[in-house]
Amino acid sequence: MFKSRRTGEKLIWLIVLVLIAALSAGVISPYVSEPANRAEAIATLDDQKLTAMGLTATVTSASFLVSAIPDDTGSTIADELDDLSSILMLIVCVIYLEKFLLTTTGLVSFSILVPAACALGGISLFRPEKWLRSLAVKILIFALLLFVMVPSGVLLTNMVEDTFSESIDQSFAAVEKFSEEVEDSQNEEETQSGLKQFISEITDGVSRMLDTAKNLLSALTDAVAVLVITTCVIPLITMLFFMWLIKTLFGYQIKLP
């Protein structure tokens, strides 16, 4: 009778595990992998992508304007601006990768890992090896950690981004100001009369534009640094933290009855 009771309990647990696996793969997985159900996180990543692409266009425009400074005096700054443009393109690629992981991690977690954990749990009910049950619990926790990893990075990004958004706005304003100075300088060249006055005005204009170009480079560098922190560093730190948790989890011996 006692043996029959134990068998009945195992069958009940087996049914529960089968239901959890079916619910995970058939209901939860389609829901969490649907982009419309992750709209807030995707909107954050889309905003970052638009900012990065806008800064890319701004940096390209700034590089062209700096290259227009007479006597090739702005070539060094223009080269540094081109380097910033390359970094921004890398940032855009990272954002696309985050969007991909945002939906696929949920799919992997609830379509593969949770059912696999339930399957191991079901097998462990009828096997004496306790490590099967321990492994099932570890896989289940791993699935949950994998699922929340990317959204956690996006959440931290939102918290930090508001603090540094002013730097990006300043970079756009700096490019607009520099563009106006270049246009003013060109207008002055067209209206100058007298060789001495012409040379003096040109020299002053070049010096002024070069100083503004340096300020422009500084503002754009700050803006790119902010994007690197919010789109690369914070997600990387978040990922490393979760990898540490997962490593600790699999290195820890879970004692189960």
C-alpha atoms as a PDB file:
ATOM      1  CA  MET A   1       0.000   0.000   0.000  1.00  0.00           C
ATOM      2  CA  PHE A   2       2.827   2.361   0.864  1.00  0.00           C
ATOM      3  CA  LYS A   3       4.534   1.546  -2.413  1.00  0.00           C
ATOM      4  CA  SER A   4       1.289   2.174  -4.283  1.00  0.00           C
ATOM      5  CA  ARG A   5       0.948   5.544  -2.574  1.00  0.00           C
ATOM      6  CA  ARG A   6       4.485   6.516  -3.537  1.00  0.00           C
ATOM      7  CA  THR A   7       3.782   5.539  -7.132  1.00  0.00           C
ATOM      8  CA  GLY A   8       0.632   7.662  -7.139  1.00  0.00           C
ATOM      9  CA  GLU A   9       2.545  10.701  -5.867  1.00  0.00           C
ATOM     10  CA  LYS A  10       5.161  10.213  -8.568  1.00  0.00           C
ATOM     11  CA  LEU A  11       2.465  10.032 -11.241  1.00  0.00           C
ATOM     12  CA  ILE A  12       0.915  13.259  -9.939  1.00  0.00           C
ATOM     13  CA  TRP A  13       4.299  14.991 -10.045  1.00  0.00           C
ATOM     14  CA  LEU A  14       4.871  13.624 -13.535  1.00  0.00           C
ATOM     15  CA  ILE A  15       1.558  15.048 -14.722  1.00  0.00           C
ATOM     16  CA  VAL A  16       2.415  18.416 -13.150  1.00  0.00           C
ATOM     17  CA  LEU A  17       5.794  18.455 -14.907  1.00  0.00           C
ATOM     18  CA  VAL A  18       4.198  17.551 -18.250  1.00  0.00           C
ATOM     19  CA  LEU A  19       1.672  20.364 -17.820  1.00  0.00           C
ATOM     20  CA  ILE A  20       4.452  22.846 -16.931  1.00  0.00           C
ATOM     21  CA  ALA A  21       6.448  21.796 -20.019  1.00  0.00           C
ATOM     22  CA  ALA A  22       3.373  22.081 -22.257  1.00  0.00           C
ATOM     23  CA  LEU A  23       2.446  25.479 -20.791  1.00  0.00           C
ATOM     24  CA  SER A  24       6.003  26.713 -21.174  1.00  0.00           C
ATOM     25  CA  ALA A  25       6.440  25.605 -24.790  1.00  0.00           C
ATOM     26  CA  GLY A  26       2.893  26.175 -25.991  1.00  0.00           C
ATOM     27  CA  VAL A  27       1.837  29.369 -24.209  1.00  0.00           C
ATOM     28  CA  ILE A  28       4.682  31.226 -22.479  1.00  0.00           C
ATOM     29  CA  SER A  29       7.260  30.796 -25.241  1.00  0.00           C
ATOM     30  CA  PRO A  30       5.084  32.251 -28.057  1.00  0.00           C
ATOM     31  CA  TYR A  31       4.056  35.106 -25.765  1.00  0.00           C
ATOM     32  CA  VAL A  32       7.560  36.185 -24.666  1.00  0.00           C
ATOM     33  CA  SER A  33       9.017  35.763 -28.166  1.00  0.00           C
ATOM     34  CA  GLU A  34       6.372  38.019 -29.730  1.00  0.00           C
ATOM     35  CA  PRO A  35       7.933  41.474 -30.306  1.00  0.00           C
ATOM     36  CA  ALA A  36       4.635  43.214 -29.545  1.00  0.00           C
ATOM     37  CA  ASN A  37       4.774  41.864 -26.003  1.00  0.00           C
ATOM     38  CA  ARG A  38       8.244  43.333 -25.461  1.00  0.00           C
ATOM     39  CA  ALA A  39       7.279  46.721 -26.855  1.00  0.00           C
ATOM     40  CA  GLU A  40       8.778  48.837 -24.066  1.00  0.00           C
ATOM     41  CA  ALA A  41      12.220  47.235 -24.223  1.00  0.00           C
ATOM     42  CA  ILE A  42      12.205  47.267 -28.028  1.00  0.00           C
ATOM     43  CA  ALA A  43      11.194  50.949 -28.010  1.00  0.00           C
ATOM     44  CA  THR A  44      14.224  51.714 -25.816  1.00  0.00           C
ATOM     45  CA  LEU A  45      16.537  49.895 -28.215  1.00  0.00           C
ATOM     46  CA  ASP A  46      14.926  51.627 -31.201  1.00  0.00           C
ATOM     47  CA  ASP A  47      15.510  55.010 -29.568  1.00  0.00           C
ATOM     48  CA  GLN A  48      19.157  54.090 -29.023  1.00  0.00           C
ATOM     49  CA  LYS A  49      19.439  52.994 -32.653  1.00  0.00           C
ATOM     50  CA  LEU A  50      17.952  56.269 -33.911  1.00  0.00           C
ATOM     51  CA  THR A  51      20.295  58.248 -31.657  1.00  0.00           C
ATOM     52  CA  ALA A  52      23.307  56.282 -32.884  1.00  0.00           C
ATOM     53  CA  MET A  53      22.301  56.687 -36.531  1.00  0.00           C
ATOM     54  CA  GLY A  54      21.622  60.385 -35.995  1.00  0.00           C
ATOM     55  CA  LEU A  55      25.047  60.811 -34.414  1.00  0.00           C
ATOM     56  CA  THR A  56      26.595  58.901 -37.327  1.00  0.00           C
ATOM     57  CA  ALA A  57      25.081  61.387 -39.778  1.00  0.00           C
ATOM     58  CA  THR A  58      26.155  64.250 -37.513  1.00  0.00           C
ATOM     59  CA  VAL A  59      29.734  62.994 -37.279  1.00  0.00           C
ATOM     60  CA  THR A  60      29.895  62.504 -41.057  1.00  0.00           C
ATOM     61  CA  SER A  61      28.605  66.041 -41.603  1.00  0.00           C
ATOM     62  CA  ALA A  62      31.053  67.414 -39.038  1.00  0.00           C
ATOM     63  CA  SER A  63      33.959  65.601 -40.691  1.00  0.00           C
ATOM     64  CA  PHE A  64      33.017  67.151 -44.050  1.00  0.00           C
ATOM     65  CA  LEU A  65      32.775  70.630 -42.528  1.00  0.00           C
ATOM     66  CA  VAL A  66      36.106  70.292 -40.715  1.00  0.00           C
ATOM     67  CA  SER A  67      37.734  69.129 -43.941  1.00  0.00           C
ATOM     68  CA  ALA A  68      36.576  72.410 -45.518  1.00  0.00           C
ATOM     69  CA  ILE A  69      38.834  74.477 -43.218  1.00  0.00           C
ATOM     70  CA  PRO A  70      41.526  76.098 -45.427  1.00  0.00           C
ATOM     71  CA  ASP A  71      45.158  74.901 -45.561  1.00  0.00           C
ATOM     72  CA  ASP A  72      44.170  71.386 -44.486  1.00  0.00           C
ATOM     73  CA  THR A  73      44.488  72.471 -40.847  1.00  0.00           C
ATOM     74  CA  GLY A  74      41.484  70.397 -39.766  1.00  0.00           C
ATOM     75  CA  SER A  75      42.577  67.094 -41.332  1.00  0.00           C
ATOM     76  CA  THR A  76      43.657  65.566 -38.002  1.00  0.00           C
ATOM     77  CA  ILE A  77      40.312  66.397 -36.391  1.00  0.00           C
ATOM     78  CA  ALA A  78      38.481  65.088 -39.459  1.00  0.00           C
ATOM     79  CA  ASP A  79      40.355  61.767 -39.174  1.00  0.00           C
ATOM     80  CA  GLU A  80      39.341  61.465 -35.516  1.00  0.00           C
ATOM     81  CA  LEU A  81      35.737  62.160 -36.451  1.00  0.00           C
ATOM     82  CA  ASP A  82      35.914  59.358 -39.029  1.00  0.00           C
ATOM     83  CA  ASP A  83      37.054  57.017 -36.244  1.00  0.00           C
ATOM     84  CA  LEU A  84      34.009  58.029 -34.197  1.00  0.00           C
ATOM     85  CA  SER A  85      31.819  57.168 -37.155  1.00  0.00           C
ATOM     86  CA  SER A  86      33.236  53.621 -37.197  1.00  0.00           C
ATOM     87  CA  ILE A  87      32.519  53.230 -33.469  1.00  0.00           C
ATOM     88  CA  LEU A  88      28.937  54.405 -34.016  1.00  0.00           C
ATOM     89  CA  MET A  89      28.377  51.797 -36.722  1.00  0.00           C
ATOM     90  CA  LEU A  90      29.601  49.139 -34.290  1.00  0.00           C
ATOM     91  CA  ILE A  91      27.134  50.463 -31.687  1.00  0.00           C
ATOM     92  CA  VAL A  92      24.267  50.100 -34.196  1.00  0.00           C
ATOM     93  CA  CYS A  93      25.293  46.461 -34.762  1.00  0.00           C
ATOM     94  CA  VAL A  94      25.302  45.825 -30.990  1.00  0.00           C
ATOM     95  CA  ILE A  95      21.795  47.303 -30.697  1.00  0.00           C
ATOM     96  CA  TYR A  96      20.515  44.974 -33.435  1.00  0.00           C
ATOM     97  CA  LEU A  97      22.109  42.048 -31.575  1.00  0.00           C
ATOM     98  CA  GLU A  98      20.349  43.076 -28.348  1.00  0.00           C
ATOM     99  CA  LYS A  99      16.997  43.221 -30.169  1.00  0.00           C
ATOM    100  CA  PHE A 100      17.637  39.740 -31.539  1.00  0.00           C
ATOM    101  CA  LEU A 101      18.546  38.351 -28.105  1.00  0.00           C
ATOM    102  CA  LEU A 102      15.568  40.058 -26.467  1.00  0.00           C
ATOM    103  CA  THR A 103      13.132  37.722 -28.192  1.00  0.00           C
ATOM    104  CA  THR A 104      15.288  34.644 -28.849  1.00  0.00           C
ATOM    105  CA  THR A 105      16.382  34.176 -25.226  1.00  0.00           C
ATOM    106  CA  GLY A 106      12.739  33.849 -24.207  1.00  0.00           C
ATOM    107  CA  LEU A 107      12.169  31.370 -27.020  1.00  0.00           C
ATOM    108  CA  VAL A 108      15.179  29.256 -26.010  1.00  0.00           C
ATOM    109  CA  SER A 109      14.335  29.432 -22.302  1.00  0.00           C
ATOM    110  CA  PHE A 110      10.695  28.380 -22.513  1.00  0.00           C
ATOM    111  CA  SER A 111      10.698  26.217 -25.655  1.00  0.00           C
ATOM    112  CA  ILE A 112      13.844  24.216 -24.913  1.00  0.00           C
ATOM    113  CA  LEU A 113      15.329  24.663 -21.451  1.00  0.00           C
ATOM    114  CA  VAL A 114      12.188  24.578 -19.278  1.00  0.00           C
ATOM    115  CA  PRO A 115      10.759  21.478 -21.054  1.00  0.00           C
ATOM    116  CA  ALA A 116      14.205  19.853 -20.796  1.00  0.00           C
ATOM    117  CA  ALA A 117      14.268  20.569 -17.053  1.00  0.00           C
ATOM    118  CA  CYS A 118      10.777  19.093 -16.703  1.00  0.00           C
ATOM    119  CA  ALA A 119      11.834  16.013 -18.679  1.00  0.00           C
ATOM    120  CA  LEU A 120      14.832  15.452 -16.407  1.00  0.00           C
ATOM    121  CA  GLY A 121      12.619  16.012 -13.390  1.00  0.00           C
ATOM    122  CA  GLY A 122      10.171  13.414 -14.683  1.00  0.00           C
ATOM    123  CA  ILE A 123      12.935  10.880 -15.273  1.00  0.00           C
ATOM    124  CA  SER A 124      14.360  11.531 -11.805  1.00  0.00           C
ATOM    125  CA  LEU A 125      11.041  10.491 -10.249  1.00  0.00           C
ATOM    126  CA  PHE A 126      11.647   6.916 -11.335  1.00  0.00           C
ATOM    127  CA  ARG A 127      15.432   6.806 -11.054  1.00  0.00           C
ATOM    128  CA  PRO A 128      17.528   6.641  -7.882  1.00  0.00           C
ATOM    129  CA  GLU A 129      20.173   9.106  -9.121  1.00  0.00           C
ATOM    130  CA  LYS A 130      19.696  12.379  -7.238  1.00  0.00           C
ATOM    131  CA  TRP A 131      21.944  14.307  -9.629  1.00  0.00           C
ATOM    132  CA  LEU A 132      19.187  14.169 -12.271  1.00  0.00           C
ATOM    133  CA  ARG A 133      16.837  16.157 -10.035  1.00  0.00           C
ATOM    134  CA  SER A 134      19.597  18.584  -9.110  1.00  0.00           C
ATOM    135  CA  LEU A 135      20.449  19.110 -12.788  1.00  0.00           C
ATOM    136  CA  ALA A 136      16.775  19.701 -13.596  1.00  0.00           C
ATOM    137  CA  VAL A 137      16.554  22.460 -10.979  1.00  0.00           C
ATOM    138  CA  LYS A 138      19.782  24.059 -12.252  1.00  0.00           C
ATOM    139  CA  ILE A 139      18.543  24.062 -15.861  1.00  0.00           C
ATOM    140  CA  LEU A 140      15.251  25.619 -14.748  1.00  0.00           C
ATOM    141  CA  ILE A 141      17.040  28.419 -12.874  1.00  0.00           C
ATOM    142  CA  PHE A 142      19.410  28.877 -15.820  1.00  0.00           C
ATOM    143  CA  ALA A 143      16.415  29.308 -18.156  1.00  0.00           C
ATOM    144  CA  LEU A 144      14.923  32.003 -15.934  1.00  0.00           C
ATOM    145  CA  LEU A 145      18.262  33.843 -15.614  1.00  0.00           C
ATOM    146  CA  LEU A 146      18.752  33.700 -19.383  1.00  0.00           C
ATOM    147  CA  PHE A 147      15.265  35.091 -19.925  1.00  0.00           C
ATOM    148  CA  VAL A 148      15.735  38.145 -17.657  1.00  0.00           C
ATOM    149  CA  MET A 149      19.342  38.887 -18.699  1.00  0.00           C
ATOM    150  CA  VAL A 150      18.711  41.193 -21.688  1.00  0.00           C
ATOM    151  CA  PRO A 151      15.662  43.011 -20.207  1.00  0.00           C
ATOM    152  CA  SER A 152      17.719  43.712 -17.077  1.00  0.00           C
ATOM    153  CA  GLY A 153      20.405  45.358 -19.223  1.00  0.00           C
ATOM    154  CA  VAL A 154      17.773  47.453 -21.013  1.00  0.00           C
ATOM    155  CA  LEU A 155      16.279  48.514 -17.666  1.00  0.00           C
ATOM    156  CA  LEU A 156      19.678  49.638 -16.361  1.00  0.00           C
ATOM    157  CA  THR A 157      20.293  51.454 -19.644  1.00  0.00           C
ATOM    158  CA  ASN A 158      17.071  53.442 -19.179  1.00  0.00           C
ATOM    159  CA  MET A 159      18.151  54.466 -15.693  1.00  0.00           C
ATOM    160  CA  VAL A 160      21.588  55.669 -16.842  1.00  0.00           C
ATOM    161  CA  GLU A 161      20.545  57.171 -20.180  1.00  0.00           C
ATOM    162  CA  ASP A 162      18.425  59.928 -18.634  1.00  0.00           C
ATOM    163  CA  THR A 163      21.465  61.166 -16.704  1.00  0.00           C
ATOM    164  CA  PHE A 164      23.669  61.590 -19.777  1.00  0.00           C
ATOM    165  CA  SER A 165      21.146  62.593 -22.458  1.00  0.00           C
ATOM    166  CA  GLU A 166      22.314  66.225 -22.251  1.00  0.00           C
ATOM    167  CA  SER A 167      25.726  65.302 -23.700  1.00  0.00           C
ATOM    168  CA  ILE A 168      24.108  64.000 -26.893  1.00  0.00           C
ATOM    169  CA  ASP A 169      21.943  67.117 -27.257  1.00  0.00           C
ATOM    170  CA  GLN A 170      25.045  69.302 -26.858  1.00  0.00           C
ATOM    171  CA  SER A 171      26.801  67.454 -29.688  1.00  0.00           C
ATOM    172  CA  PHE A 172      23.982  68.203 -32.149  1.00  0.00           C
ATOM    173  CA  ALA A 173      24.031  71.865 -31.099  1.00  0.00           C
ATOM    174  CA  ALA A 174      27.818  72.004 -31.528  1.00  0.00           C
ATOM    175  CA  VAL A 175      27.609  70.735 -35.110  1.00  0.00           C
ATOM    176  CA  GLU A 176      24.919  73.295 -35.962  1.00  0.00           C
ATOM    177  CA  LYS A 177      27.034  76.098 -34.485  1.00  0.00           C
ATOM    178  CA  PHE A 178      30.117  74.971 -36.396  1.00  0.00           C
ATOM    179  CA  SER A 179      28.159  74.781 -39.645  1.00  0.00           C
ATOM    180  CA  GLU A 180      27.007  78.365 -39.149  1.00  0.00           C
ATOM    181  CA  GLU A 181      30.583  79.513 -38.541  1.00  0.00           C
ATOM    182  CA  VAL A 182      31.771  77.829 -41.741  1.00  0.00           C
ATOM    183  CA  GLU A 183      29.016  79.570 -43.715  1.00  0.00           C
ATOM    184  CA  ASP A 184      29.840  82.934 -42.100  1.00  0.00           C
ATOM    185  CA  SER A 185      33.501  82.468 -42.930  1.00  0.00           C
ATOM    186  CA  GLN A 186      32.715  81.714 -46.549  1.00  0.00           C
ATOM    187  CA  ASN A 187      30.495  84.799 -46.765  1.00  0.00           C
ATOM    188  CA  GLU A 188      33.307  86.926 -45.323  1.00  0.00           C
ATOM    189  CA  GLU A 189      35.711  85.629 -47.948  1.00  0.00           C
ATOM    190  CA  GLU A 190      33.327  86.720 -50.690  1.00  0.00           C
ATOM    191  CA  THR A 191      32.870  90.249 -49.316  1.00  0.00           C
ATOM    192  CA  GLN A 192      36.441  91.117 -48.294  1.00  0.00           C
ATOM    193  CA  SER A 193      38.337  93.833 -50.201  1.00  0.00           C
ATOM    194  CA  GLY A 194      42.046  94.613 -49.886  1.00  0.00           C
ATOM    195  CA  LEU A 195      44.792  92.001 -49.732  1.00  0.00           C
ATOM    196  CA  LYS A 196      46.006  92.761 -46.203  1.00  0.00           C
ATOM    197  CA  GLN A 197      42.523  92.829 -44.688  1.00  0.00           C
ATOM    198  CA  PHE A 198      41.602  89.718 -46.644  1.00  0.00           C
ATOM    199  CA  ILE A 199      44.603  87.750 -45.298  1.00  0.00           C
ATOM    200  CA  SER A 200      43.946  88.958 -41.746  1.00  0.00           C
ATOM    201  CA  GLU A 201      40.288  87.972 -41.828  1.00  0.00           C
ATOM    202  CA  ILE A 202      41.060  84.581 -43.358  1.00  0.00           C
ATOM    203  CA  THR A 203      43.684  83.832 -40.676  1.00  0.00           C
ATOM    204  CA  ASP A 204      41.336  84.844 -37.887  1.00  0.00           C
ATOM    205  CA  GLY A 205      38.511  82.835 -39.433  1.00  0.00           C
ATOM    206  CA  VAL A 206      40.637  79.699 -39.763  1.00  0.00           C
ATOM    207  CA  SER A 207      41.826  79.991 -36.166  1.00  0.00           C
ATOM    208  CA  ARG A 208      38.274  80.506 -34.939  1.00  0.00           C
ATOM    209  CA  MET A 209      36.930  77.559 -36.919  1.00  0.00           C
ATOM    210  CA  LEU A 210      39.779  75.343 -35.710  1.00  0.00           C
ATOM    211  CA  ASP A 211      38.980  76.133 -32.084  1.00  0.00           C
ATOM    212  CA  THR A 212      35.315  75.436 -32.699  1.00  0.00           C
ATOM    213  CA  ALA A 213      36.213  72.182 -34.454  1.00  0.00           C
ATOM    214  CA  LYS A 214      38.147  71.062 -31.370  1.00  0.00           C
ATOM    215  CA  ASN A 215      35.153  71.840 -29.177  1.00  0.00           C
ATOM    216  CA  LEU A 216      32.979  69.993 -31.668  1.00  0.00           C
ATOM    217  CA  LEU A 217      35.230  66.921 -31.495  1.00  0.00           C
ATOM    218  CA  SER A 218      35.084  67.014 -27.700  1.00  0.00           C
ATOM    219  CA  ALA A 219      31.273  67.232 -27.673  1.00  0.00           C
ATOM    220  CA  LEU A 220      30.880  64.395 -30.160  1.00  0.00           C
ATOM    221  CA  THR A 221      33.391  62.250 -28.278  1.00  0.00           C
ATOM    222  CA  ASP A 222      31.380  62.736 -25.089  1.00  0.00           C
ATOM    223  CA  ALA A 223      28.169  61.777 -26.902  1.00  0.00           C
ATOM    224  CA  VAL A 224      29.733  58.641 -28.398  1.00  0.00           C
ATOM    225  CA  ALA A 225      31.169  57.721 -24.983  1.00  0.00           C
ATOM    226  CA  VAL A 226      27.666  57.934 -23.508  1.00  0.00           C
ATOM    227  CA  LEU A 227      26.334  55.632 -26.217  1.00  0.00           C
ATOM    228  CA  VAL A 228      29.182  53.175 -25.683  1.00  0.00           C
ATOM    229  CA  ILE A 229      28.369  53.056 -21.960  1.00  0.00           C
ATOM    230  CA  THR A 230      24.597  52.666 -22.411  1.00  0.00           C
ATOM    231  CA  THR A 231      24.603  50.267 -25.380  1.00  0.00           C
ATOM    232  CA  CYS A 232      27.779  48.230 -24.833  1.00  0.00           C
ATOM    233  CA  VAL A 233      29.268  48.549 -21.346  1.00  0.00           C
ATOM    234  CA  ILE A 234      26.062  48.225 -19.296  1.00  0.00           C
ATOM    235  CA  PRO A 235      24.719  45.211 -21.277  1.00  0.00           C
ATOM    236  CA  LEU A 236      28.179  43.613 -21.090  1.00  0.00           C
ATOM    237  CA  ILE A 237      28.402  44.103 -17.319  1.00  0.00           C
ATOM    238  CA  THR A 238      24.872  42.729 -16.954  1.00  0.00           C
ATOM    239  CA  MET A 239      25.759  39.705 -19.077  1.00  0.00           C
ATOM    240  CA  LEU A 240      28.954  39.056 -17.103  1.00  0.00           C
ATOM    241  CA  PHE A 241      26.996  39.281 -13.846  1.00  0.00           C
ATOM    242  CA  PHE A 242      24.454  36.723 -15.042  1.00  0.00           C
ATOM    243  CA  MET A 243      27.241  34.496 -16.387  1.00  0.00           C
ATOM    244  CA  TRP A 244      28.823  34.627 -12.932  1.00  0.00           C
ATOM    245  CA  LEU A 245      25.484  33.674 -11.385  1.00  0.00           C
ATOM    246  CA  ILE A 246      25.100  30.777 -13.820  1.00  0.00           C
ATOM    247  CA  LYS A 247      28.667  29.589 -13.183  1.00  0.00           C
ATOM    248  CA  THR A 248      28.067  29.775  -9.434  1.00  0.00           C
ATOM    249  CA  LEU A 249      24.784  27.911  -9.859  1.00  0.00           C
ATOM    250  CA  PHE A 250      26.320  25.003 -11.756  1.00  0.00           C
ATOM    251  CA  GLY A 251      29.258  24.878  -9.378  1.00  0.00           C
ATOM    252  CA  TYR A 252      26.954  24.671  -6.346  1.00  0.00           C
ATOM    253  CA  GLN A 253      25.705  21.327  -5.176  1.00  0.00           C
ATOM    254  CA  ILE A 254      21.941  21.563  -4.658  1.00  0.00           C
ATOM    255  CA  LYS A 255      20.756  19.116  -2.020  1.00  0.00           C
ATOM    256  CA  LEU A 256      17.325  17.689  -2.787  1.00  0.00           C
ATOM    257  CA  PRO A 257      15.361  14.887  -1.129  1.00  0.00           C
END
